[in-house]
Protein backbone atom coordinates (compact mmCIF):
# COMPACT_ATOMS: atom_id res chain seq x y z
CA UNK A 1 0.00 0.00 0.00
CA UNK A 2 1.58 3.25 -1.14
CA UNK A 3 0.73 6.54 0.56
CA UNK A 4 -1.63 8.77 -1.37
CA UNK A 5 -1.22 12.47 -2.05
CA UNK A 6 -3.43 13.43 0.92
CA UNK A 7 -1.42 11.29 3.31
CA UNK A 8 1.85 12.83 2.12
CA UNK A 9 0.41 16.34 2.48
CA UNK A 10 -0.84 15.52 5.98
CA UNK A 11 2.61 14.24 6.99
CA UNK A 12 4.27 17.40 5.61
CA UNK A 13 1.76 19.58 7.46
CA UNK A 14 2.41 17.77 10.76
CA UNK A 15 6.17 18.14 10.29
CA UNK A 16 5.79 21.86 9.58
CA UNK A 17 3.64 22.29 12.68
CA UNK A 18 6.09 20.38 14.90
CA UNK A 19 9.35 21.91 13.75
CA UNK A 20 8.35 25.20 12.16
CA UNK A 21 9.47 26.50 8.79
CA UNK A 22 12.65 28.09 10.19
CA UNK A 23 14.14 24.90 11.62
CA UNK A 24 13.42 22.63 8.65
CA UNK A 25 16.34 23.77 6.47
CA UNK A 26 18.77 23.21 9.36
CA UNK A 27 17.29 19.78 10.09
CA UNK A 28 17.55 18.76 6.44
CA UNK A 29 21.14 20.06 6.26
CA UNK A 30 22.11 18.08 9.35
CA UNK A 31 20.46 14.96 7.92
CA UNK A 32 22.32 15.40 4.63
CA UNK A 33 25.65 15.78 6.47
CA UNK A 34 24.91 12.64 8.45
CA UNK A 35 24.07 10.65 5.33
CA UNK A 36 27.24 11.87 3.55
CA UNK A 37 29.33 10.97 6.58
CA UNK A 38 27.73 7.52 6.74
CA UNK A 39 28.38 6.88 3.05
CA UNK A 40 31.98 8.07 3.40
CA UNK A 41 32.45 5.72 6.34
CA UNK A 42 31.12 2.79 4.34
CA UNK A 43 33.36 3.68 1.41
CA UNK A 44 36.43 3.98 3.66
CA UNK A 45 35.62 0.64 5.29
CA UNK A 46 35.55 -1.09 1.90
CA UNK A 47 38.86 0.49 0.84
CA UNK A 48 41.71 -1.04 2.91
CA UNK A 49 44.15 1.64 1.68
CA UNK A 50 42.04 4.44 3.19
CA UNK A 51 42.20 3.04 6.71
CA UNK A 52 45.30 4.30 8.45
CA UNK A 53 47.13 2.29 11.05
CA UNK A 54 47.76 4.17 14.27
CA UNK A 55 51.42 5.02 14.73
CA UNK A 56 53.16 3.17 17.51
CA UNK A 57 55.73 4.89 19.67
CA UNK A 58 58.32 2.29 18.72
CA UNK A 59 57.85 3.21 15.04
CA UNK A 60 58.74 6.86 15.62
CA UNK A 61 62.31 7.85 14.82
CA UNK A 62 64.29 8.69 17.91
CA UNK A 63 65.92 12.08 17.80
CA UNK A 64 68.58 13.58 19.98
CA UNK A 65 67.58 16.47 22.22
CA UNK A 66 68.39 19.86 20.81
CA UNK A 67 71.55 21.45 22.07
CA UNK A 68 71.23 24.83 23.70
CA UNK A 69 73.84 27.47 24.38
CA UNK A 70 73.83 26.59 28.09
CA UNK A 71 74.57 22.92 27.43
CA UNK A 72 77.35 23.83 24.97
CA UNK A 73 79.07 26.18 27.42
CA UNK A 74 79.20 23.52 30.16
CA UNK A 75 81.11 21.11 27.90
C-alpha atoms as a PDB file:
ATOM      1  CA  UNK A   1       0.000   0.000   0.000  1.00  0.00           C
ATOM      2  CA  UNK A   2       1.578   3.253  -1.141  1.00  0.00           C
ATOM      3  CA  UNK A   3       0.728   6.540   0.560  1.00  0.00           C
ATOM      4  CA  UNK A   4      -1.634   8.766  -1.373  1.00  0.00           C
ATOM      5  CA  UNK A   5      -1.218  12.473  -2.048  1.00  0.00           C
ATOM      6  CA  UNK A   6      -3.426  13.435   0.921  1.00  0.00           C
ATOM      7  CA  UNK A   7      -1.420  11.290   3.305  1.00  0.00           C
ATOM      8  CA  UNK A   8       1.849  12.829   2.121  1.00  0.00           C
ATOM      9  CA  UNK A   9       0.409  16.340   2.477  1.00  0.00           C
ATOM     10  CA  UNK A  10      -0.835  15.517   5.983  1.00  0.00           C
ATOM     11  CA  UNK A  11       2.615  14.239   6.991  1.00  0.00           C
ATOM     12  CA  UNK A  12       4.271  17.398   5.615  1.00  0.00           C
ATOM     13  CA  UNK A  13       1.757  19.576   7.464  1.00  0.00           C
ATOM     14  CA  UNK A  14       2.405  17.772  10.757  1.00  0.00           C
ATOM     15  CA  UNK A  15       6.173  18.137  10.292  1.00  0.00           C
ATOM     16  CA  UNK A  16       5.789  21.855   9.584  1.00  0.00           C
ATOM     17  CA  UNK A  17       3.641  22.288  12.683  1.00  0.00           C
ATOM     18  CA  UNK A  18       6.085  20.378  14.895  1.00  0.00           C
ATOM     19  CA  UNK A  19       9.352  21.913  13.753  1.00  0.00           C
ATOM     20  CA  UNK A  20       8.355  25.202  12.164  1.00  0.00           C
ATOM     21  CA  UNK A  21       9.466  26.501   8.789  1.00  0.00           C
ATOM     22  CA  UNK A  22      12.648  28.092  10.193  1.00  0.00           C
ATOM     23  CA  UNK A  23      14.141  24.904  11.618  1.00  0.00           C
ATOM     24  CA  UNK A  24      13.417  22.625   8.654  1.00  0.00           C
ATOM     25  CA  UNK A  25      16.335  23.770   6.470  1.00  0.00           C
ATOM     26  CA  UNK A  26      18.773  23.207   9.359  1.00  0.00           C
ATOM     27  CA  UNK A  27      17.295  19.783  10.091  1.00  0.00           C
ATOM     28  CA  UNK A  28      17.548  18.756   6.438  1.00  0.00           C
ATOM     29  CA  UNK A  29      21.140  20.064   6.256  1.00  0.00           C
ATOM     30  CA  UNK A  30      22.111  18.077   9.348  1.00  0.00           C
ATOM     31  CA  UNK A  31      20.458  14.962   7.919  1.00  0.00           C
ATOM     32  CA  UNK A  32      22.324  15.405   4.625  1.00  0.00           C
ATOM     33  CA  UNK A  33      25.655  15.777   6.466  1.00  0.00           C
ATOM     34  CA  UNK A  34      24.910  12.637   8.450  1.00  0.00           C
ATOM     35  CA  UNK A  35      24.072  10.648   5.328  1.00  0.00           C
ATOM     36  CA  UNK A  36      27.237  11.869   3.554  1.00  0.00           C
ATOM     37  CA  UNK A  37      29.334  10.965   6.584  1.00  0.00           C
ATOM     38  CA  UNK A  38      27.731   7.525   6.744  1.00  0.00           C
ATOM     39  CA  UNK A  39      28.375   6.877   3.046  1.00  0.00           C
ATOM     40  CA  UNK A  40      31.977   8.066   3.401  1.00  0.00           C
ATOM     41  CA  UNK A  41      32.452   5.720   6.341  1.00  0.00           C
ATOM     42  CA  UNK A  42      31.117   2.787   4.337  1.00  0.00           C
ATOM     43  CA  UNK A  43      33.359   3.676   1.409  1.00  0.00           C
ATOM     44  CA  UNK A  44      36.425   3.979   3.658  1.00  0.00           C
ATOM     45  CA  UNK A  45      35.619   0.636   5.289  1.00  0.00           C
ATOM     46  CA  UNK A  46      35.552  -1.088   1.901  1.00  0.00           C
ATOM     47  CA  UNK A  47      38.862   0.492   0.837  1.00  0.00           C
ATOM     48  CA  UNK A  48      41.714  -1.037   2.906  1.00  0.00           C
ATOM     49  CA  UNK A  49      44.148   1.639   1.684  1.00  0.00           C
ATOM     50  CA  UNK A  50      42.037   4.442   3.188  1.00  0.00           C
ATOM     51  CA  UNK A  51      42.200   3.038   6.707  1.00  0.00           C
ATOM     52  CA  UNK A  52      45.297   4.303   8.448  1.00  0.00           C
ATOM     53  CA  UNK A  53      47.126   2.286  11.048  1.00  0.00           C
ATOM     54  CA  UNK A  54      47.760   4.165  14.274  1.00  0.00           C
ATOM     55  CA  UNK A  55      51.417   5.023  14.731  1.00  0.00           C
ATOM     56  CA  UNK A  56      53.162   3.170  17.507  1.00  0.00           C
ATOM     57  CA  UNK A  57      55.730   4.893  19.673  1.00  0.00           C
ATOM     58  CA  UNK A  58      58.317   2.288  18.724  1.00  0.00           C
ATOM     59  CA  UNK A  59      57.847   3.214  15.042  1.00  0.00           C
ATOM     60  CA  UNK A  60      58.736   6.859  15.620  1.00  0.00           C
ATOM     61  CA  UNK A  61      62.310   7.853  14.817  1.00  0.00           C
ATOM     62  CA  UNK A  62      64.291   8.685  17.912  1.00  0.00           C
ATOM     63  CA  UNK A  63      65.925  12.076  17.801  1.00  0.00           C
ATOM     64  CA  UNK A  64      68.580  13.582  19.978  1.00  0.00           C
ATOM     65  CA  UNK A  65      67.578  16.473  22.224  1.00  0.00           C
ATOM     66  CA  UNK A  66      68.386  19.859  20.807  1.00  0.00           C
ATOM     67  CA  UNK A  67      71.554  21.451  22.072  1.00  0.00           C
ATOM     68  CA  UNK A  68      71.232  24.834  23.703  1.00  0.00           C
ATOM     69  CA  UNK A  69      73.844  27.467  24.380  1.00  0.00           C
ATOM     70  CA  UNK A  70      73.832  26.591  28.092  1.00  0.00           C
ATOM     71  CA  UNK A  71      74.573  22.921  27.434  1.00  0.00           C
ATOM     72  CA  UNK A  72      77.348  23.831  24.973  1.00  0.00           C
ATOM     73  CA  UNK A  73      79.074  26.178  27.424  1.00  0.00           C
ATOM     74  CA  UNK A  74      79.196  23.518  30.162  1.00  0.00           C
ATOM     75  CA  UNK A  75      81.106  21.111  27.897  1.00  0.00           C
END
